Amino acid sequence: MQAPALPANESPRLQALRSLGLLDTQNEERFSRYVRLAKSLIDVPIATISLVDSNRQWFKGCEGLEMSETPRNISFCGHAILEQGVFYIPDAAADARFADNPLVTGAPHIRFYAGCPVYVPGNLAIGTLCVMDRRPRTLTPELLGRLRDLADCLQRELSLHVLLQDIQRLKSSPALTALAQHG
């Protein structure tokens, strides 16, 4: 098994991830919607929005798995955040990087994986939108492109989340309050 490498921008990436305030939070319909769409689009039993933290990947949205996180060192998504387009593994059991991975050899028995890195402003990949199956799968370039399109929509959702956080911070800024009082 090959553990994923760390991105060159790991420190600012983790800072951006944590500043989102999404880790270890309740399910939200706005994220669950993307998981359902990805699952349906690719016709797979498993889809997640995975946030890749320092030692784990945590699922902000998940369908088809009975777990809420896995260790980062065995995660497929840890590899996917290093890519630009779609990280695609048609058969994990036939891929030397994953053949002896506990997620392949044991539950949930992942054989197919396709994951798109999801970025926040600053070009920081904080996680993925991914789909998985318990059997090998081959996807057409068109389907891979549609998955990337859906991940781009999720990225816009996260960018909007960051923008709304910035607006809230500005609204509660003492300098802005003082300016409004004297303006």
N, C-alpha and C. Protein backbone atom coordinates (compact mmCIF):
# COMPACT_ATOMS: atom_id res chain seq x y z
N MET A 1 0.85 -1.18 0.00
CA MET A 1 0.00 0.00 0.00
C MET A 1 0.89 1.24 0.00
N GLN A 2 0.48 2.21 -0.77
CA GLN A 2 1.21 3.47 -0.85
C GLN A 2 0.40 4.56 -0.16
N ALA A 3 0.94 5.10 0.92
CA ALA A 3 0.27 6.21 1.61
C ALA A 3 0.36 7.46 0.74
N PRO A 4 -0.64 8.32 0.79
CA PRO A 4 -0.59 9.54 -0.03
C PRO A 4 0.49 10.50 0.46
N ALA A 5 1.11 11.17 -0.49
CA ALA A 5 2.10 12.20 -0.16
C ALA A 5 1.36 13.44 0.36
N LEU A 6 2.10 14.30 1.03
CA LEU A 6 1.51 15.57 1.48
C LEU A 6 1.67 16.61 0.39
N PRO A 7 0.65 17.43 0.18
CA PRO A 7 0.79 18.51 -0.81
C PRO A 7 1.85 19.51 -0.35
N ALA A 8 2.47 20.19 -1.31
CA ALA A 8 3.48 21.20 -0.99
C ALA A 8 2.90 22.33 -0.14
N ASN A 9 1.60 22.58 -0.28
CA ASN A 9 0.94 23.66 0.45
C ASN A 9 0.13 23.12 1.64
N GLU A 10 0.61 22.08 2.27
CA GLU A 10 -0.15 21.40 3.34
C GLU A 10 -0.55 22.33 4.48
N SER A 11 0.34 23.17 4.95
CA SER A 11 0.01 24.03 6.08
C SER A 11 -1.12 25.02 5.75
N PRO A 12 -1.02 25.81 4.67
CA PRO A 12 -2.13 26.70 4.35
C PRO A 12 -3.40 25.94 3.96
N ARG A 13 -3.25 24.75 3.37
CA ARG A 13 -4.40 23.93 3.01
C ARG A 13 -5.17 23.54 4.27
N LEU A 14 -4.45 23.06 5.29
CA LEU A 14 -5.10 22.67 6.54
C LEU A 14 -5.73 23.89 7.24
N GLN A 15 -5.05 25.01 7.18
CA GLN A 15 -5.59 26.23 7.79
C GLN A 15 -6.91 26.61 7.11
N ALA A 16 -6.94 26.55 5.77
CA ALA A 16 -8.16 26.88 5.02
C ALA A 16 -9.28 25.88 5.35
N LEU A 17 -8.93 24.61 5.41
CA LEU A 17 -9.93 23.58 5.75
C LEU A 17 -10.55 23.86 7.11
N ARG A 18 -9.72 24.07 8.09
CA ARG A 18 -10.23 24.27 9.46
C ARG A 18 -11.00 25.58 9.60
N SER A 19 -10.60 26.60 8.85
CA SER A 19 -11.31 27.88 8.94
C SER A 19 -12.72 27.81 8.36
N LEU A 20 -13.00 26.79 7.55
CA LEU A 20 -14.34 26.62 7.02
C LEU A 20 -15.35 26.30 8.12
N GLY A 21 -14.89 25.68 9.19
CA GLY A 21 -15.79 25.31 10.27
C GLY A 21 -16.73 24.18 9.92
N LEU A 22 -16.35 23.33 8.99
CA LEU A 22 -17.22 22.24 8.56
C LEU A 22 -16.87 20.89 9.19
N LEU A 23 -15.63 20.73 9.65
CA LEU A 23 -15.23 19.45 10.23
C LEU A 23 -16.09 19.11 11.45
N ASP A 24 -16.49 17.86 11.53
CA ASP A 24 -17.25 17.34 12.67
C ASP A 24 -18.56 18.08 12.91
N THR A 25 -19.21 18.51 11.84
CA THR A 25 -20.50 19.18 11.95
C THR A 25 -21.60 18.24 11.47
N GLN A 26 -22.83 18.62 11.70
CA GLN A 26 -23.98 17.83 11.29
C GLN A 26 -24.10 17.79 9.76
N ASN A 27 -24.85 16.80 9.28
CA ASN A 27 -25.18 16.74 7.85
C ASN A 27 -25.94 17.99 7.47
N GLU A 28 -25.70 18.46 6.25
CA GLU A 28 -26.42 19.61 5.72
C GLU A 28 -26.94 19.24 4.33
N GLU A 29 -28.19 19.59 4.10
CA GLU A 29 -28.82 19.25 2.82
C GLU A 29 -28.03 19.79 1.63
N ARG A 30 -27.46 20.99 1.76
CA ARG A 30 -26.73 21.57 0.63
C ARG A 30 -25.54 20.70 0.22
N PHE A 31 -24.97 19.93 1.13
CA PHE A 31 -23.87 19.03 0.78
C PHE A 31 -24.39 17.63 0.44
N SER A 32 -25.40 17.17 1.14
CA SER A 32 -25.98 15.85 0.85
C SER A 32 -26.49 15.78 -0.59
N ARG A 33 -26.98 16.91 -1.09
CA ARG A 33 -27.49 16.98 -2.47
C ARG A 33 -26.40 16.58 -3.47
N TYR A 34 -25.18 17.06 -3.26
CA TYR A 34 -24.08 16.73 -4.18
C TYR A 34 -23.74 15.24 -4.12
N VAL A 35 -23.79 14.68 -2.94
CA VAL A 35 -23.50 13.25 -2.77
C VAL A 35 -24.54 12.42 -3.51
N ARG A 36 -25.81 12.76 -3.35
CA ARG A 36 -26.88 12.02 -4.04
C ARG A 36 -26.73 12.15 -5.56
N LEU A 37 -26.43 13.36 -6.02
CA LEU A 37 -26.27 13.57 -7.46
C LEU A 37 -25.09 12.78 -8.02
N ALA A 38 -23.97 12.77 -7.31
CA ALA A 38 -22.80 12.02 -7.77
C ALA A 38 -23.10 10.53 -7.81
N LYS A 39 -23.73 10.04 -6.78
CA LYS A 39 -24.08 8.61 -6.70
C LYS A 39 -24.99 8.21 -7.87
N SER A 40 -25.98 9.04 -8.15
CA SER A 40 -26.91 8.77 -9.23
C SER A 40 -26.25 8.93 -10.60
N LEU A 41 -25.46 9.98 -10.76
CA LEU A 41 -24.80 10.26 -12.03
C LEU A 41 -23.92 9.10 -12.48
N ILE A 42 -23.14 8.55 -11.56
CA ILE A 42 -22.19 7.49 -11.91
C ILE A 42 -22.80 6.10 -11.67
N ASP A 43 -23.96 6.05 -11.02
CA ASP A 43 -24.66 4.80 -10.73
C ASP A 43 -23.79 3.86 -9.90
N VAL A 44 -23.41 4.36 -8.73
CA VAL A 44 -22.58 3.60 -7.79
C VAL A 44 -23.28 3.52 -6.43
N PRO A 45 -22.86 2.58 -5.59
CA PRO A 45 -23.48 2.46 -4.26
C PRO A 45 -22.92 3.42 -3.22
N ILE A 46 -21.75 4.05 -3.51
CA ILE A 46 -21.09 4.89 -2.50
C ILE A 46 -20.67 6.21 -3.12
N ALA A 47 -20.95 7.30 -2.40
CA ALA A 47 -20.47 8.63 -2.80
C ALA A 47 -20.24 9.43 -1.52
N THR A 48 -19.20 10.27 -1.53
CA THR A 48 -18.89 11.08 -0.36
C THR A 48 -18.36 12.46 -0.76
N ILE A 49 -18.50 13.37 0.17
CA ILE A 49 -17.71 14.60 0.18
C ILE A 49 -16.74 14.38 1.32
N SER A 50 -15.48 14.27 0.98
CA SER A 50 -14.45 13.95 1.96
C SER A 50 -13.60 15.18 2.21
N LEU A 51 -13.46 15.55 3.48
CA LEU A 51 -12.57 16.64 3.87
C LEU A 51 -11.31 16.01 4.43
N VAL A 52 -10.17 16.32 3.81
CA VAL A 52 -8.90 15.68 4.16
C VAL A 52 -8.17 16.52 5.19
N ASP A 53 -8.23 16.05 6.44
CA ASP A 53 -7.58 16.71 7.57
C ASP A 53 -6.15 16.15 7.71
N SER A 54 -5.43 16.55 8.74
CA SER A 54 -4.03 16.14 8.88
C SER A 54 -3.85 14.63 9.03
N ASN A 55 -4.74 13.96 9.78
CA ASN A 55 -4.57 12.53 10.02
C ASN A 55 -5.77 11.69 9.63
N ARG A 56 -6.77 12.31 9.04
CA ARG A 56 -7.97 11.57 8.69
C ARG A 56 -8.66 12.23 7.51
N GLN A 57 -9.55 11.47 6.90
CA GLN A 57 -10.51 12.06 5.97
C GLN A 57 -11.86 11.89 6.63
N TRP A 58 -12.59 12.99 6.70
CA TRP A 58 -13.89 13.01 7.36
C TRP A 58 -14.95 13.31 6.33
N PHE A 59 -16.06 12.60 6.39
CA PHE A 59 -17.10 12.72 5.38
C PHE A 59 -18.15 13.76 5.78
N LYS A 60 -18.16 14.88 5.08
CA LYS A 60 -19.17 15.92 5.30
C LYS A 60 -20.51 15.46 4.72
N GLY A 61 -20.45 14.69 3.68
CA GLY A 61 -21.63 14.07 3.08
C GLY A 61 -21.26 12.66 2.70
N CYS A 62 -22.18 11.73 2.92
CA CYS A 62 -21.84 10.33 2.65
C CYS A 62 -23.10 9.51 2.42
N GLU A 63 -23.07 8.67 1.42
CA GLU A 63 -24.11 7.68 1.19
C GLU A 63 -23.42 6.38 0.83
N GLY A 64 -23.85 5.30 1.48
CA GLY A 64 -23.36 3.97 1.14
C GLY A 64 -22.24 3.45 2.02
N LEU A 65 -21.79 4.22 3.00
CA LEU A 65 -20.77 3.77 3.94
C LEU A 65 -21.31 3.89 5.36
N GLU A 66 -20.89 2.99 6.21
CA GLU A 66 -21.32 3.02 7.61
C GLU A 66 -20.32 3.74 8.51
N MET A 67 -19.37 4.44 7.94
CA MET A 67 -18.34 5.13 8.72
C MET A 67 -18.39 6.61 8.42
N SER A 68 -17.88 7.42 9.34
CA SER A 68 -17.87 8.87 9.12
C SER A 68 -16.47 9.39 8.79
N GLU A 69 -15.46 8.54 8.94
CA GLU A 69 -14.09 8.95 8.62
C GLU A 69 -13.21 7.71 8.47
N THR A 70 -12.04 7.92 7.87
CA THR A 70 -11.02 6.87 7.80
C THR A 70 -9.67 7.55 8.01
N PRO A 71 -8.65 6.78 8.37
CA PRO A 71 -7.31 7.38 8.48
C PRO A 71 -6.85 7.92 7.12
N ARG A 72 -6.19 9.05 7.14
CA ARG A 72 -5.71 9.66 5.90
C ARG A 72 -4.68 8.76 5.20
N ASN A 73 -3.86 8.07 5.98
CA ASN A 73 -2.77 7.29 5.36
C ASN A 73 -3.27 6.11 4.52
N ILE A 74 -4.54 5.74 4.65
CA ILE A 74 -5.09 4.68 3.80
C ILE A 74 -6.15 5.22 2.83
N SER A 75 -6.34 6.53 2.83
CA SER A 75 -7.42 7.12 2.03
C SER A 75 -7.06 7.24 0.55
N PHE A 76 -8.05 7.03 -0.28
CA PHE A 76 -7.93 7.31 -1.70
C PHE A 76 -7.94 8.83 -1.91
N CYS A 77 -8.75 9.52 -1.11
CA CYS A 77 -8.91 10.97 -1.27
C CYS A 77 -7.63 11.73 -0.96
N GLY A 78 -6.79 11.17 -0.08
CA GLY A 78 -5.49 11.78 0.18
C GLY A 78 -4.64 11.84 -1.08
N HIS A 79 -4.80 10.86 -1.95
CA HIS A 79 -4.12 10.87 -3.25
C HIS A 79 -4.82 11.85 -4.21
N ALA A 80 -6.15 11.84 -4.17
CA ALA A 80 -6.93 12.64 -5.12
C ALA A 80 -6.68 14.14 -4.97
N ILE A 81 -6.43 14.62 -3.73
CA ILE A 81 -6.21 16.06 -3.56
C ILE A 81 -4.91 16.54 -4.19
N LEU A 82 -4.06 15.61 -4.61
CA LEU A 82 -2.81 15.95 -5.28
C LEU A 82 -2.99 16.12 -6.78
N GLU A 83 -4.17 15.78 -7.29
CA GLU A 83 -4.46 15.81 -8.72
C GLU A 83 -5.20 17.09 -9.10
N GLN A 84 -5.34 17.33 -10.39
CA GLN A 84 -6.08 18.49 -10.88
C GLN A 84 -7.48 18.12 -11.36
N GLY A 85 -7.61 17.05 -12.11
CA GLY A 85 -8.89 16.70 -12.72
C GLY A 85 -9.65 15.68 -11.90
N VAL A 86 -9.57 14.42 -12.34
CA VAL A 86 -10.24 13.32 -11.66
C VAL A 86 -9.19 12.26 -11.36
N PHE A 87 -9.11 11.83 -10.12
CA PHE A 87 -8.25 10.71 -9.73
C PHE A 87 -9.11 9.46 -9.89
N TYR A 88 -8.71 8.59 -10.81
CA TYR A 88 -9.57 7.50 -11.28
C TYR A 88 -8.84 6.17 -11.16
N ILE A 89 -9.44 5.25 -10.41
CA ILE A 89 -8.89 3.90 -10.22
C ILE A 89 -9.96 2.89 -10.66
N PRO A 90 -9.86 2.35 -11.88
CA PRO A 90 -10.88 1.40 -12.35
C PRO A 90 -10.97 0.13 -11.50
N ASP A 91 -9.80 -0.38 -11.05
CA ASP A 91 -9.80 -1.59 -10.22
C ASP A 91 -8.68 -1.48 -9.18
N ALA A 92 -9.05 -1.13 -7.97
CA ALA A 92 -8.06 -0.92 -6.90
C ALA A 92 -7.28 -2.20 -6.59
N ALA A 93 -7.91 -3.35 -6.74
CA ALA A 93 -7.22 -4.62 -6.45
C ALA A 93 -6.11 -4.89 -7.46
N ALA A 94 -6.19 -4.28 -8.63
CA ALA A 94 -5.17 -4.46 -9.67
C ALA A 94 -4.17 -3.30 -9.70
N ASP A 95 -4.30 -2.36 -8.79
CA ASP A 95 -3.43 -1.19 -8.74
C ASP A 95 -2.45 -1.36 -7.57
N ALA A 96 -1.15 -1.39 -7.86
CA ALA A 96 -0.14 -1.66 -6.83
C ALA A 96 -0.22 -0.68 -5.65
N ARG A 97 -0.68 0.54 -5.89
CA ARG A 97 -0.79 1.52 -4.81
C ARG A 97 -1.89 1.17 -3.80
N PHE A 98 -2.87 0.37 -4.23
CA PHE A 98 -4.05 0.12 -3.39
C PHE A 98 -4.38 -1.35 -3.16
N ALA A 99 -3.73 -2.26 -3.87
CA ALA A 99 -4.11 -3.68 -3.81
C ALA A 99 -4.16 -4.24 -2.39
N ASP A 100 -3.24 -3.82 -1.52
CA ASP A 100 -3.23 -4.34 -0.15
C ASP A 100 -3.77 -3.32 0.87
N ASN A 101 -4.48 -2.31 0.38
CA ASN A 101 -5.09 -1.30 1.24
C ASN A 101 -6.22 -1.95 2.04
N PRO A 102 -6.31 -1.68 3.35
CA PRO A 102 -7.38 -2.29 4.16
C PRO A 102 -8.79 -1.94 3.69
N LEU A 103 -8.96 -0.80 3.00
CA LEU A 103 -10.28 -0.45 2.47
C LEU A 103 -10.63 -1.27 1.23
N VAL A 104 -9.63 -1.93 0.65
CA VAL A 104 -9.82 -2.79 -0.52
C VAL A 104 -9.92 -4.25 -0.07
N THR A 105 -9.01 -4.66 0.81
CA THR A 105 -8.97 -6.07 1.24
C THR A 105 -10.03 -6.41 2.27
N GLY A 106 -10.54 -5.40 2.96
CA GLY A 106 -11.60 -5.59 3.96
C GLY A 106 -12.72 -4.59 3.72
N ALA A 107 -13.65 -4.55 4.64
CA ALA A 107 -14.79 -3.64 4.51
C ALA A 107 -14.28 -2.20 4.38
N PRO A 108 -14.82 -1.46 3.46
CA PRO A 108 -15.99 -1.64 2.62
C PRO A 108 -15.71 -2.30 1.27
N HIS A 109 -14.52 -2.89 1.07
CA HIS A 109 -14.17 -3.63 -0.15
C HIS A 109 -14.23 -2.77 -1.41
N ILE A 110 -13.56 -1.64 -1.38
CA ILE A 110 -13.54 -0.71 -2.52
C ILE A 110 -12.75 -1.32 -3.67
N ARG A 111 -13.34 -1.33 -4.82
CA ARG A 111 -12.63 -1.79 -6.02
C ARG A 111 -12.49 -0.65 -7.03
N PHE A 112 -13.51 0.20 -7.11
CA PHE A 112 -13.50 1.32 -8.06
C PHE A 112 -13.55 2.62 -7.26
N TYR A 113 -12.79 3.61 -7.74
CA TYR A 113 -12.78 4.93 -7.10
C TYR A 113 -12.59 6.00 -8.18
N ALA A 114 -13.36 7.06 -8.07
CA ALA A 114 -13.13 8.26 -8.89
C ALA A 114 -13.40 9.45 -7.97
N GLY A 115 -12.39 10.30 -7.83
CA GLY A 115 -12.53 11.45 -6.94
C GLY A 115 -11.96 12.71 -7.55
N CYS A 116 -12.69 13.80 -7.36
CA CYS A 116 -12.27 15.10 -7.87
C CYS A 116 -11.87 15.98 -6.69
N PRO A 117 -10.68 16.55 -6.73
CA PRO A 117 -10.32 17.49 -5.67
C PRO A 117 -11.26 18.70 -5.70
N VAL A 118 -11.56 19.19 -4.53
CA VAL A 118 -12.42 20.37 -4.38
C VAL A 118 -11.57 21.45 -3.73
N TYR A 119 -11.55 22.61 -4.37
CA TYR A 119 -10.69 23.71 -3.95
C TYR A 119 -11.49 24.84 -3.31
N VAL A 120 -10.83 25.55 -2.41
CA VAL A 120 -11.35 26.80 -1.88
C VAL A 120 -10.44 27.91 -2.41
N PRO A 121 -10.86 29.17 -2.27
CA PRO A 121 -10.02 30.26 -2.76
C PRO A 121 -8.57 30.13 -2.26
N GLY A 122 -7.65 30.44 -3.14
CA GLY A 122 -6.23 30.26 -2.87
C GLY A 122 -5.71 28.99 -3.52
N ASN A 123 -6.58 28.32 -4.31
CA ASN A 123 -6.23 27.07 -4.99
C ASN A 123 -5.79 25.99 -4.00
N LEU A 124 -6.53 25.88 -2.90
CA LEU A 124 -6.21 24.91 -1.85
C LEU A 124 -7.22 23.77 -1.88
N ALA A 125 -6.74 22.55 -2.18
CA ALA A 125 -7.61 21.38 -2.24
C ALA A 125 -7.89 20.89 -0.82
N ILE A 126 -9.11 21.10 -0.36
CA ILE A 126 -9.45 20.75 1.03
C ILE A 126 -10.11 19.37 1.12
N GLY A 127 -10.47 18.81 0.00
CA GLY A 127 -11.12 17.50 0.01
C GLY A 127 -11.53 17.08 -1.38
N THR A 128 -12.51 16.18 -1.43
CA THR A 128 -12.94 15.63 -2.72
C THR A 128 -14.45 15.41 -2.75
N LEU A 129 -14.94 15.31 -3.95
CA LEU A 129 -16.23 14.70 -4.23
C LEU A 129 -15.87 13.40 -4.91
N CYS A 130 -16.27 12.28 -4.30
CA CYS A 130 -15.84 11.01 -4.87
C CYS A 130 -16.96 9.98 -4.90
N VAL A 131 -16.77 9.01 -5.78
CA VAL A 131 -17.69 7.89 -5.94
C VAL A 131 -16.89 6.60 -5.88
N MET A 132 -17.53 5.55 -5.34
CA MET A 132 -16.85 4.26 -5.18
C MET A 132 -17.82 3.12 -5.46
N ASP A 133 -17.24 1.99 -5.79
CA ASP A 133 -18.04 0.78 -6.00
C ASP A 133 -17.26 -0.40 -5.45
N ARG A 134 -17.97 -1.46 -5.17
CA ARG A 134 -17.36 -2.70 -4.65
C ARG A 134 -16.99 -3.65 -5.78
N ARG A 135 -17.11 -3.16 -7.00
CA ARG A 135 -16.70 -3.94 -8.18
C ARG A 135 -15.92 -3.01 -9.11
N PRO A 136 -15.03 -3.56 -9.92
CA PRO A 136 -14.29 -2.72 -10.87
C PRO A 136 -15.26 -2.04 -11.83
N ARG A 137 -14.88 -0.85 -12.26
CA ARG A 137 -15.72 -0.07 -13.18
C ARG A 137 -14.82 0.68 -14.15
N THR A 138 -15.33 0.86 -15.36
CA THR A 138 -14.67 1.71 -16.35
C THR A 138 -15.63 2.82 -16.69
N LEU A 139 -15.15 4.06 -16.60
CA LEU A 139 -15.99 5.20 -16.94
C LEU A 139 -15.52 5.85 -18.23
N THR A 140 -16.47 6.37 -18.97
CA THR A 140 -16.13 7.09 -20.19
C THR A 140 -15.55 8.46 -19.83
N PRO A 141 -14.77 9.03 -20.72
CA PRO A 141 -14.29 10.39 -20.47
C PRO A 141 -15.44 11.37 -20.23
N GLU A 142 -16.58 11.14 -20.89
CA GLU A 142 -17.74 12.02 -20.72
C GLU A 142 -18.25 11.95 -19.27
N LEU A 143 -18.37 10.75 -18.70
CA LEU A 143 -18.83 10.61 -17.32
C LEU A 143 -17.82 11.20 -16.33
N LEU A 144 -16.55 10.99 -16.59
CA LEU A 144 -15.52 11.59 -15.73
C LEU A 144 -15.62 13.11 -15.77
N GLY A 145 -15.88 13.66 -16.96
CA GLY A 145 -16.05 15.10 -17.10
C GLY A 145 -17.28 15.61 -16.36
N ARG A 146 -18.35 14.84 -16.37
CA ARG A 146 -19.56 15.24 -15.63
C ARG A 146 -19.31 15.23 -14.13
N LEU A 147 -18.55 14.25 -13.66
CA LEU A 147 -18.22 14.21 -12.23
C LEU A 147 -17.39 15.44 -11.87
N ARG A 148 -16.44 15.80 -12.74
CA ARG A 148 -15.63 17.00 -12.49
C ARG A 148 -16.52 18.25 -12.49
N ASP A 149 -17.50 18.30 -13.41
CA ASP A 149 -18.43 19.44 -13.45
C ASP A 149 -19.19 19.56 -12.13
N LEU A 150 -19.65 18.43 -11.61
CA LEU A 150 -20.39 18.45 -10.35
C LEU A 150 -19.48 18.91 -9.21
N ALA A 151 -18.23 18.46 -9.22
CA ALA A 151 -17.27 18.90 -8.20
C ALA A 151 -17.01 20.40 -8.31
N ASP A 152 -17.01 20.92 -9.53
CA ASP A 152 -16.85 22.37 -9.72
C ASP A 152 -18.03 23.14 -9.11
N CYS A 153 -19.22 22.57 -9.22
CA CYS A 153 -20.40 23.20 -8.59
C CYS A 153 -20.26 23.18 -7.07
N LEU A 154 -19.78 22.07 -6.53
CA LEU A 154 -19.55 21.98 -5.09
C LEU A 154 -18.50 23.01 -4.66
N GLN A 155 -17.49 23.18 -5.49
CA GLN A 155 -16.45 24.17 -5.21
C GLN A 155 -17.05 25.57 -5.10
N ARG A 156 -17.99 25.88 -5.96
CA ARG A 156 -18.67 27.18 -5.90
C ARG A 156 -19.46 27.32 -4.60
N GLU A 157 -20.08 26.22 -4.17
CA GLU A 157 -20.80 26.21 -2.89
C GLU A 157 -19.85 26.53 -1.74
N LEU A 158 -18.66 25.94 -1.77
CA LEU A 158 -17.67 26.20 -0.73
C LEU A 158 -17.13 27.62 -0.81
N SER A 159 -16.95 28.13 -2.02
CA SER A 159 -16.50 29.52 -2.17
C SER A 159 -17.54 30.48 -1.62
N LEU A 160 -18.81 30.19 -1.85
CA LEU A 160 -19.88 31.01 -1.29
C LEU A 160 -19.85 30.93 0.24
N HIS A 161 -19.60 29.75 0.78
CA HIS A 161 -19.49 29.56 2.24
C HIS A 161 -18.37 30.46 2.79
N VAL A 162 -17.22 30.48 2.12
CA VAL A 162 -16.10 31.32 2.54
C VAL A 162 -16.48 32.80 2.46
N LEU A 163 -17.14 33.20 1.38
CA LEU A 163 -17.56 34.59 1.22
C LEU A 163 -18.52 35.01 2.33
N LEU A 164 -19.49 34.16 2.65
CA LEU A 164 -20.43 34.48 3.71
C LEU A 164 -19.73 34.57 5.07
N GLN A 165 -18.75 33.72 5.30
CA GLN A 165 -17.96 33.83 6.54
C GLN A 165 -17.23 35.17 6.59
N ASP A 166 -16.65 35.58 5.46
CA ASP A 166 -15.94 36.86 5.41
C ASP A 166 -16.88 38.03 5.68
N ILE A 167 -18.08 37.96 5.14
CA ILE A 167 -19.06 39.02 5.38
C ILE A 167 -19.42 39.08 6.85
N GLN A 168 -19.63 37.93 7.47
CA GLN A 168 -19.96 37.90 8.91
C GLN A 168 -18.83 38.48 9.74
N ARG A 169 -17.58 38.15 9.38
CA ARG A 169 -16.43 38.70 10.11
C ARG A 169 -16.38 40.21 9.96
N LEU A 170 -16.63 40.70 8.75
CA LEU A 170 -16.62 42.14 8.52
C LEU A 170 -17.73 42.84 9.31
N LYS A 171 -18.89 42.23 9.33
CA LYS A 171 -20.03 42.83 10.05
C LYS A 171 -19.73 42.96 11.54
N SER A 172 -18.96 42.03 12.07
CA SER A 172 -18.67 42.08 13.51
C SER A 172 -17.32 42.74 13.80
N SER A 173 -16.69 43.30 12.80
CA SER A 173 -15.40 43.97 12.94
C SER A 173 -15.54 45.27 13.74
N PRO A 174 -14.75 45.46 14.78
CA PRO A 174 -14.80 46.72 15.56
C PRO A 174 -14.50 47.94 14.69
N ALA A 175 -13.60 47.80 13.74
CA ALA A 175 -13.27 48.93 12.87
C ALA A 175 -14.47 49.33 12.01
N LEU A 176 -15.19 48.36 11.49
CA LEU A 176 -16.38 48.65 10.69
C LEU A 176 -17.47 49.28 11.54
N THR A 177 -17.64 48.76 12.75
CA THR A 177 -18.64 49.32 13.68
C THR A 177 -18.31 50.78 13.98
N ALA A 178 -17.04 51.05 14.25
CA ALA A 178 -16.61 52.43 14.55
C ALA A 178 -16.83 53.34 13.35
N LEU A 179 -16.52 52.84 12.17
CA LEU A 179 -16.71 53.62 10.94
C LEU A 179 -18.20 53.94 10.74
N ALA A 180 -19.05 52.96 10.98
CA ALA A 180 -20.50 53.16 10.81
C ALA A 180 -21.03 54.18 11.82
N GLN A 181 -20.49 54.19 13.02
CA GLN A 181 -20.93 55.12 14.05
C GLN A 181 -20.48 56.55 13.76
N HIS A 182 -19.32 56.70 13.13
CA HIS A 182 -18.78 58.04 12.87
C HIS A 182 -18.99 58.51 11.44
N GLY A 183 -19.53 57.63 10.61
CA GLY A 183 -19.65 57.95 9.20
C GLY A 183 -20.83 58.75 8.89
